[in-house]
Amino acid sequence: MSIQHLHSAGDLEQYIAKPGKKLLFKHSTTCPISAKAFEEFQSYVKDNDTDAAVVLVIEDRPVSNKIAEDFGIKHESPQIFLLEDGEVRWNTSHWKITQSSIKEAVSQ
């Protein structure tokens, strides 16, 4: 399973509209905490069948801001969301983003 990069509001809306459970990761390419969390996210995605997408918070700031606005969840980075039916079912940030925390959230 590959990770889709969302570069526009349209990309984001199409991704959110897809049926089923999916993961959305906000990644800062300049932050070492985000780099570690992104490794955990990539490891989870590689071994599991869940749709996954990433937004680069610096390069695609308007998309990153739209996520915070649309879901009413304060922006953090790194940050991960589990989406289902257009709703956020779970989210966490920073060091709490691990393969096991993602796996637990998806399996609920």
N, C-alpha and C. Protein backbone atom coordinates (compact mmCIF):
# COMPACT_ATOMS: atom_id res chain seq x y z
N MET A 1 0.86 -1.19 0.00
CA MET A 1 0.00 0.00 0.00
C MET A 1 0.90 1.24 0.00
N SER A 2 0.61 2.17 -0.90
CA SER A 2 1.45 3.36 -0.95
C SER A 2 0.77 4.53 -0.23
N ILE A 3 1.56 5.51 0.09
CA ILE A 3 1.07 6.69 0.79
C ILE A 3 0.83 7.78 -0.24
N GLN A 4 -0.38 8.30 -0.27
CA GLN A 4 -0.77 9.35 -1.22
C GLN A 4 -0.35 10.71 -0.64
N HIS A 5 0.22 11.57 -1.48
CA HIS A 5 0.55 12.93 -1.05
C HIS A 5 -0.58 13.87 -1.46
N LEU A 6 -1.09 14.62 -0.50
CA LEU A 6 -2.19 15.56 -0.77
C LEU A 6 -1.59 16.97 -0.89
N HIS A 7 -1.75 17.58 -2.08
CA HIS A 7 -1.13 18.88 -2.35
C HIS A 7 -2.13 20.02 -2.46
N SER A 8 -3.44 19.69 -2.51
CA SER A 8 -4.44 20.75 -2.70
C SER A 8 -5.68 20.45 -1.87
N ALA A 9 -6.51 21.46 -1.72
CA ALA A 9 -7.79 21.28 -1.00
C ALA A 9 -8.64 20.21 -1.71
N GLY A 10 -8.57 20.21 -3.04
CA GLY A 10 -9.32 19.20 -3.82
C GLY A 10 -8.84 17.79 -3.53
N ASP A 11 -7.51 17.61 -3.46
CA ASP A 11 -6.94 16.30 -3.11
C ASP A 11 -7.47 15.86 -1.74
N LEU A 12 -7.46 16.80 -0.78
CA LEU A 12 -7.90 16.51 0.57
C LEU A 12 -9.37 16.09 0.59
N GLU A 13 -10.21 16.86 -0.08
CA GLU A 13 -11.65 16.57 -0.10
C GLU A 13 -11.93 15.20 -0.73
N GLN A 14 -11.24 14.89 -1.82
CA GLN A 14 -11.43 13.58 -2.47
C GLN A 14 -11.00 12.46 -1.54
N TYR A 15 -9.89 12.67 -0.85
CA TYR A 15 -9.38 11.63 0.06
C TYR A 15 -10.35 11.40 1.21
N ILE A 16 -10.83 12.48 1.82
CA ILE A 16 -11.76 12.37 2.95
C ILE A 16 -13.05 11.68 2.53
N ALA A 17 -13.47 11.91 1.29
CA ALA A 17 -14.73 11.35 0.79
C ALA A 17 -14.66 9.85 0.50
N LYS A 18 -13.45 9.30 0.41
CA LYS A 18 -13.32 7.87 0.11
C LYS A 18 -13.95 7.05 1.24
N PRO A 19 -14.63 5.95 0.89
CA PRO A 19 -15.24 5.12 1.93
C PRO A 19 -14.22 4.35 2.76
N GLY A 20 -14.62 3.95 3.94
CA GLY A 20 -13.78 3.11 4.78
C GLY A 20 -12.83 3.91 5.66
N LYS A 21 -12.04 3.17 6.44
CA LYS A 21 -11.08 3.79 7.35
C LYS A 21 -9.84 4.22 6.59
N LYS A 22 -9.32 5.38 6.94
CA LYS A 22 -8.09 5.85 6.30
C LYS A 22 -7.31 6.73 7.25
N LEU A 23 -6.01 6.76 7.04
CA LEU A 23 -5.10 7.53 7.88
C LEU A 23 -4.63 8.77 7.15
N LEU A 24 -4.50 9.85 7.92
CA LEU A 24 -4.01 11.11 7.38
C LEU A 24 -2.92 11.62 8.32
N PHE A 25 -1.74 11.84 7.77
CA PHE A 25 -0.57 12.21 8.58
C PHE A 25 -0.10 13.60 8.17
N LYS A 26 0.05 14.49 9.16
CA LYS A 26 0.62 15.82 8.90
C LYS A 26 2.09 15.78 9.30
N HIS A 27 2.95 16.04 8.32
CA HIS A 27 4.39 15.84 8.50
C HIS A 27 5.17 17.14 8.27
N SER A 28 6.03 17.46 9.23
CA SER A 28 6.96 18.58 9.05
C SER A 28 8.31 18.02 8.65
N THR A 29 8.77 18.40 7.46
CA THR A 29 10.03 17.87 6.93
C THR A 29 11.25 18.46 7.64
N THR A 30 11.05 19.43 8.54
CA THR A 30 12.18 20.03 9.25
C THR A 30 12.28 19.58 10.70
N CYS A 31 11.38 18.73 11.14
CA CYS A 31 11.28 18.38 12.56
C CYS A 31 11.72 16.95 12.82
N PRO A 32 12.70 16.73 13.72
CA PRO A 32 13.15 15.36 14.00
C PRO A 32 12.07 14.49 14.66
N ILE A 33 11.20 15.09 15.46
CA ILE A 33 10.10 14.31 16.06
C ILE A 33 9.18 13.82 14.95
N SER A 34 8.89 14.70 14.01
CA SER A 34 8.03 14.33 12.89
C SER A 34 8.68 13.25 12.03
N ALA A 35 9.99 13.33 11.85
CA ALA A 35 10.69 12.31 11.07
C ALA A 35 10.54 10.94 11.71
N LYS A 36 10.66 10.86 13.03
CA LYS A 36 10.51 9.60 13.74
C LYS A 36 9.07 9.09 13.63
N ALA A 37 8.11 9.99 13.84
CA ALA A 37 6.69 9.61 13.75
C ALA A 37 6.36 9.14 12.34
N PHE A 38 6.94 9.80 11.32
CA PHE A 38 6.68 9.42 9.94
C PHE A 38 7.22 8.02 9.65
N GLU A 39 8.36 7.68 10.25
CA GLU A 39 8.89 6.31 10.13
C GLU A 39 7.91 5.29 10.70
N GLU A 40 7.36 5.61 11.87
CA GLU A 40 6.38 4.71 12.51
C GLU A 40 5.15 4.55 11.60
N PHE A 41 4.68 5.67 11.08
CA PHE A 41 3.52 5.69 10.17
C PHE A 41 3.81 4.84 8.92
N GLN A 42 4.98 5.05 8.31
CA GLN A 42 5.34 4.30 7.10
C GLN A 42 5.44 2.80 7.39
N SER A 43 6.00 2.46 8.54
CA SER A 43 6.11 1.04 8.93
C SER A 43 4.74 0.42 9.09
N TYR A 44 3.83 1.15 9.71
CA TYR A 44 2.46 0.64 9.87
C TYR A 44 1.83 0.42 8.49
N VAL A 45 1.91 1.42 7.63
CA VAL A 45 1.27 1.36 6.31
C VAL A 45 1.82 0.20 5.47
N LYS A 46 3.13 -0.02 5.57
CA LYS A 46 3.79 -1.07 4.79
C LYS A 46 3.21 -2.45 5.14
N ASP A 47 2.88 -2.65 6.40
CA ASP A 47 2.43 -3.97 6.87
C ASP A 47 0.91 -4.10 6.97
N ASN A 48 0.17 -3.06 6.63
CA ASN A 48 -1.28 -3.10 6.79
C ASN A 48 -1.98 -2.59 5.54
N ASP A 49 -3.27 -2.83 5.49
CA ASP A 49 -4.02 -2.57 4.27
C ASP A 49 -4.88 -1.31 4.39
N THR A 50 -4.49 -0.37 5.23
CA THR A 50 -5.30 0.83 5.44
C THR A 50 -4.86 1.92 4.47
N ASP A 51 -5.84 2.61 3.86
CA ASP A 51 -5.50 3.76 3.01
C ASP A 51 -4.73 4.78 3.83
N ALA A 52 -3.75 5.43 3.23
CA ALA A 52 -2.93 6.38 3.96
C ALA A 52 -2.53 7.55 3.07
N ALA A 53 -2.51 8.74 3.69
CA ALA A 53 -2.10 9.95 2.96
C ALA A 53 -1.29 10.83 3.90
N VAL A 54 -0.47 11.67 3.27
CA VAL A 54 0.38 12.60 4.03
C VAL A 54 0.22 14.00 3.46
N VAL A 55 0.26 14.98 4.38
CA VAL A 55 0.31 16.39 4.00
C VAL A 55 1.59 16.96 4.59
N LEU A 56 2.40 17.59 3.75
CA LEU A 56 3.62 18.24 4.23
C LEU A 56 3.24 19.64 4.70
N VAL A 57 3.38 19.88 6.01
CA VAL A 57 2.80 21.10 6.60
C VAL A 57 3.48 22.39 6.15
N ILE A 58 4.74 22.33 5.79
CA ILE A 58 5.43 23.55 5.34
C ILE A 58 5.17 23.77 3.85
N GLU A 59 5.38 22.71 3.06
CA GLU A 59 5.26 22.81 1.60
C GLU A 59 3.80 23.03 1.17
N ASP A 60 2.86 22.42 1.87
CA ASP A 60 1.44 22.52 1.50
C ASP A 60 0.63 23.09 2.67
N ARG A 61 1.07 24.24 3.17
CA ARG A 61 0.44 24.86 4.34
C ARG A 61 -1.07 25.08 4.19
N PRO A 62 -1.58 25.55 3.02
CA PRO A 62 -3.04 25.74 2.92
C PRO A 62 -3.83 24.45 3.19
N VAL A 63 -3.30 23.32 2.73
CA VAL A 63 -3.98 22.04 2.95
C VAL A 63 -3.92 21.69 4.44
N SER A 64 -2.77 21.89 5.04
CA SER A 64 -2.60 21.63 6.47
C SER A 64 -3.57 22.49 7.28
N ASN A 65 -3.67 23.77 6.94
CA ASN A 65 -4.59 24.66 7.65
C ASN A 65 -6.04 24.23 7.47
N LYS A 66 -6.37 23.75 6.28
CA LYS A 66 -7.75 23.32 5.99
C LYS A 66 -8.13 22.13 6.86
N ILE A 67 -7.20 21.22 7.12
CA ILE A 67 -7.48 20.07 7.99
C ILE A 67 -7.88 20.57 9.38
N ALA A 68 -7.10 21.49 9.93
CA ALA A 68 -7.40 22.04 11.26
C ALA A 68 -8.76 22.72 11.26
N GLU A 69 -9.05 23.50 10.22
CA GLU A 69 -10.33 24.21 10.13
C GLU A 69 -11.49 23.24 9.97
N ASP A 70 -11.39 22.33 9.01
CA ASP A 70 -12.51 21.43 8.70
C ASP A 70 -12.86 20.52 9.87
N PHE A 71 -11.83 20.03 10.58
CA PHE A 71 -12.08 19.08 11.66
C PHE A 71 -12.17 19.76 13.03
N GLY A 72 -11.83 21.06 13.09
CA GLY A 72 -11.88 21.77 14.36
C GLY A 72 -10.90 21.20 15.38
N ILE A 73 -9.76 20.72 14.89
CA ILE A 73 -8.73 20.15 15.77
C ILE A 73 -7.46 20.99 15.60
N LYS A 74 -6.96 21.50 16.71
CA LYS A 74 -5.79 22.38 16.70
C LYS A 74 -4.64 21.74 15.93
N HIS A 75 -4.01 22.53 15.08
CA HIS A 75 -2.87 22.03 14.29
C HIS A 75 -1.69 21.67 15.19
N GLU A 76 -1.15 20.50 14.97
CA GLU A 76 0.13 20.11 15.55
C GLU A 76 0.89 19.39 14.46
N SER A 77 2.18 19.27 14.63
CA SER A 77 2.92 18.44 13.69
C SER A 77 4.12 17.86 14.43
N PRO A 78 4.31 16.56 14.30
CA PRO A 78 3.49 15.65 13.50
C PRO A 78 2.13 15.40 14.16
N GLN A 79 1.19 15.03 13.34
CA GLN A 79 -0.17 14.75 13.82
C GLN A 79 -0.77 13.69 12.89
N ILE A 80 -1.55 12.79 13.48
CA ILE A 80 -2.18 11.74 12.67
C ILE A 80 -3.66 11.67 13.00
N PHE A 81 -4.45 11.39 11.96
CA PHE A 81 -5.89 11.25 12.10
C PHE A 81 -6.32 9.92 11.51
N LEU A 82 -7.27 9.28 12.18
CA LEU A 82 -7.98 8.14 11.60
C LEU A 82 -9.35 8.66 11.18
N LEU A 83 -9.63 8.57 9.89
CA LEU A 83 -10.89 9.07 9.33
C LEU A 83 -11.77 7.90 8.93
N GLU A 84 -13.07 8.09 9.13
CA GLU A 84 -14.04 7.11 8.63
C GLU A 84 -15.33 7.86 8.35
N ASP A 85 -15.87 7.67 7.14
CA ASP A 85 -17.11 8.34 6.73
C ASP A 85 -17.01 9.85 6.90
N GLY A 86 -15.86 10.42 6.56
CA GLY A 86 -15.69 11.87 6.61
C GLY A 86 -15.50 12.44 8.00
N GLU A 87 -15.44 11.59 9.02
CA GLU A 87 -15.30 12.03 10.41
C GLU A 87 -13.96 11.60 10.97
N VAL A 88 -13.45 12.38 11.92
CA VAL A 88 -12.25 11.97 12.64
C VAL A 88 -12.66 11.02 13.76
N ARG A 89 -12.15 9.79 13.73
CA ARG A 89 -12.45 8.80 14.77
C ARG A 89 -11.40 8.81 15.87
N TRP A 90 -10.20 9.27 15.51
CA TRP A 90 -9.06 9.26 16.46
C TRP A 90 -8.01 10.19 15.92
N ASN A 91 -7.30 10.85 16.83
CA ASN A 91 -6.13 11.61 16.41
C ASN A 91 -5.15 11.71 17.57
N THR A 92 -3.88 11.86 17.23
CA THR A 92 -2.85 12.05 18.25
C THR A 92 -1.67 12.76 17.59
N SER A 93 -0.67 13.08 18.40
CA SER A 93 0.46 13.83 17.84
C SER A 93 1.77 13.46 18.54
N HIS A 94 2.85 13.96 17.96
CA HIS A 94 4.20 13.86 18.50
C HIS A 94 4.60 12.42 18.83
N TRP A 95 5.13 12.21 20.03
CA TRP A 95 5.70 10.90 20.40
C TRP A 95 4.64 9.81 20.52
N LYS A 96 3.37 10.19 20.58
CA LYS A 96 2.31 9.18 20.72
C LYS A 96 2.02 8.48 19.39
N ILE A 97 2.63 8.97 18.31
CA ILE A 97 2.42 8.35 17.00
C ILE A 97 3.39 7.17 16.87
N THR A 98 2.86 5.98 17.11
CA THR A 98 3.67 4.76 17.01
C THR A 98 2.89 3.74 16.19
N GLN A 99 3.62 2.74 15.68
CA GLN A 99 2.94 1.66 14.95
C GLN A 99 1.84 1.06 15.80
N SER A 100 2.13 0.84 17.10
CA SER A 100 1.15 0.16 17.94
C SER A 100 -0.07 1.06 18.24
N SER A 101 0.14 2.37 18.42
CA SER A 101 -1.01 3.24 18.67
C SER A 101 -1.90 3.33 17.43
N ILE A 102 -1.28 3.35 16.25
CA ILE A 102 -2.04 3.38 15.00
C ILE A 102 -2.84 2.09 14.84
N LYS A 103 -2.16 0.97 15.07
CA LYS A 103 -2.79 -0.34 14.92
C LYS A 103 -4.00 -0.46 15.86
N GLU A 104 -3.83 -0.03 17.09
CA GLU A 104 -4.91 -0.10 18.07
C GLU A 104 -6.10 0.75 17.65
N ALA A 105 -5.82 1.98 17.16
CA ALA A 105 -6.90 2.87 16.73
C ALA A 105 -7.66 2.30 15.54
N VAL A 106 -6.93 1.77 14.56
CA VAL A 106 -7.57 1.25 13.35
C VAL A 106 -8.41 0.01 13.66
N SER A 107 -7.95 -0.80 14.62
CA SER A 107 -8.66 -2.06 14.89
C SER A 107 -9.92 -1.87 15.75
N GLN A 108 -10.13 -0.70 16.29
CA GLN A 108 -11.32 -0.48 17.14
C GLN A 108 -12.58 -0.30 16.31
